[in-house]
Amino acid sequence: MSDSSDQYRHEMTKKIAYEYWDRKGRPLGSAEIDWASAQKAIDVYLLASDRNLRLSRFVWDQIKFHF
């Protein structure tokens, strides 16, 4: 991956992890779990994209909040 795609992935992971943390009520000590869950959600999304699968906004939200 290029530096710009790495940076983009990092920023997306950060936003999703924050959203996970916020939806759980901002508990202390969940940063690593939220970060790992966000990375998994992005991996699933990228895998679907690589396979030319179209993901609706609803499906993306389901993937994002499944982990």
C-alpha atoms as a PDB file:
ATOM      1  CA  MET A   1       0.000   0.000   0.000  1.00  0.00           C
ATOM      2  CA  SER A   2       1.066   3.547  -0.593  1.00  0.00           C
ATOM      3  CA  ASP A   3       1.594   6.055   2.180  1.00  0.00           C
ATOM      4  CA  SER A   4      -1.615   7.878   1.225  1.00  0.00           C
ATOM      5  CA  SER A   5      -3.718   4.691   1.344  1.00  0.00           C
ATOM      6  CA  ASP A   6      -2.117   3.728   4.667  1.00  0.00           C
ATOM      7  CA  GLN A   7      -2.939   7.170   6.006  1.00  0.00           C
ATOM      8  CA  TYR A   8      -6.509   6.937   4.685  1.00  0.00           C
ATOM      9  CA  ARG A   9      -6.970   3.492   6.262  1.00  0.00           C
ATOM     10  CA  HIS A  10      -5.583   4.788   9.570  1.00  0.00           C
ATOM     11  CA  GLU A  11      -7.998   7.733   9.538  1.00  0.00           C
ATOM     12  CA  MET A  12     -10.970   5.485   8.721  1.00  0.00           C
ATOM     13  CA  THR A  13      -9.978   3.075  11.494  1.00  0.00           C
ATOM     14  CA  LYS A  14      -9.707   5.967  13.911  1.00  0.00           C
ATOM     15  CA  LYS A  15     -13.177   7.291  13.000  1.00  0.00           C
ATOM     16  CA  ILE A  16     -14.860   3.898  13.233  1.00  0.00           C
ATOM     17  CA  ALA A  17     -13.097   3.009  16.501  1.00  0.00           C
ATOM     18  CA  TYR A  18     -14.237   6.323  17.967  1.00  0.00           C
ATOM     19  CA  GLU A  19     -17.791   5.613  16.823  1.00  0.00           C
ATOM     20  CA  TYR A  20     -17.685   2.168  18.495  1.00  0.00           C
ATOM     21  CA  TRP A  21     -16.380   3.713  21.715  1.00  0.00           C
ATOM     22  CA  ASP A  22     -18.971   6.469  21.632  1.00  0.00           C
ATOM     23  CA  ARG A  23     -21.899   4.064  21.004  1.00  0.00           C
ATOM     24  CA  LYS A  24     -20.790   1.938  23.970  1.00  0.00           C
ATOM     25  CA  GLY A  25     -20.998   4.935  26.275  1.00  0.00           C
ATOM     26  CA  ARG A  26     -17.293   5.868  26.179  1.00  0.00           C
ATOM     27  CA  PRO A  27     -16.008   3.248  28.632  1.00  0.00           C
ATOM     28  CA  LEU A  28     -12.445   3.385  29.888  1.00  0.00           C
ATOM     29  CA  GLY A  29     -10.072   0.697  28.672  1.00  0.00           C
ATOM     30  CA  SER A  30     -11.772  -0.341  25.427  1.00  0.00           C
ATOM     31  CA  ALA A  31      -9.420   1.387  22.975  1.00  0.00           C
ATOM     32  CA  GLU A  32      -7.606  -1.761  21.796  1.00  0.00           C
ATOM     33  CA  ILE A  33     -10.839  -3.705  21.348  1.00  0.00           C
ATOM     34  CA  ASP A  34     -12.517  -0.852  19.473  1.00  0.00           C
ATOM     35  CA  TRP A  35      -9.450  -0.374  17.243  1.00  0.00           C
ATOM     36  CA  ALA A  36      -9.258  -4.097  16.395  1.00  0.00           C
ATOM     37  CA  SER A  37     -12.992  -4.195  15.656  1.00  0.00           C
ATOM     38  CA  ALA A  38     -12.679  -1.188  13.358  1.00  0.00           C
ATOM     39  CA  GLN A  39      -9.791  -2.840  11.506  1.00  0.00           C
ATOM     40  CA  LYS A  40     -11.863  -6.008  11.005  1.00  0.00           C
ATOM     41  CA  ALA A  41     -14.778  -3.992   9.631  1.00  0.00           C
ATOM     42  CA  ILE A  42     -12.487  -2.249   7.163  1.00  0.00           C
ATOM     43  CA  ASP A  43     -10.935  -5.589   6.129  1.00  0.00           C
ATOM     44  CA  VAL A  44     -14.405  -6.983   5.347  1.00  0.00           C
ATOM     45  CA  TYR A  45     -15.280  -3.857   3.404  1.00  0.00           C
ATOM     46  CA  LEU A  46     -12.055  -3.974   1.393  1.00  0.00           C
ATOM     47  CA  LEU A  47     -12.469  -7.678   0.675  1.00  0.00           C
ATOM     48  CA  ALA A  48     -15.954  -7.009  -0.687  1.00  0.00           C
ATOM     49  CA  SER A  49     -14.596  -4.121  -2.741  1.00  0.00           C
ATOM     50  CA  ASP A  50     -11.810  -6.292  -4.152  1.00  0.00           C
ATOM     51  CA  ARG A  51     -14.417  -8.800  -5.254  1.00  0.00           C
ATOM     52  CA  ASN A  52     -16.473  -6.056  -6.908  1.00  0.00           C
ATOM     53  CA  LEU A  53     -19.366  -6.521  -4.529  1.00  0.00           C
ATOM     54  CA  ARG A  54     -21.579  -3.514  -4.177  1.00  0.00           C
ATOM     55  CA  LEU A  55     -22.281  -2.619  -0.579  1.00  0.00           C
ATOM     56  CA  SER A  56     -25.226  -0.455   0.233  1.00  0.00           C
ATOM     57  CA  ARG A  57     -24.977   2.042   3.050  1.00  0.00           C
ATOM     58  CA  PHE A  58     -27.151  -0.258   5.167  1.00  0.00           C
ATOM     59  CA  VAL A  59     -24.874  -3.254   4.579  1.00  0.00           C
ATOM     60  CA  TRP A  60     -21.770  -1.172   5.387  1.00  0.00           C
ATOM     61  CA  ASP A  61     -23.394  -0.036   8.636  1.00  0.00           C
ATOM     62  CA  GLN A  62     -24.168  -3.650   9.506  1.00  0.00           C
ATOM     63  CA  ILE A  63     -20.580  -4.710   8.829  1.00  0.00           C
ATOM     64  CA  LYS A  64     -19.215  -1.763  10.751  1.00  0.00           C
ATOM     65  CA  PHE A  65     -21.300  -2.455  13.832  1.00  0.00           C
ATOM     66  CA  HIS A  66     -21.033  -6.225  13.779  1.00  0.00           C
ATOM     67  CA  PHE A  67     -17.498  -6.214  15.163  1.00  0.00           C
END
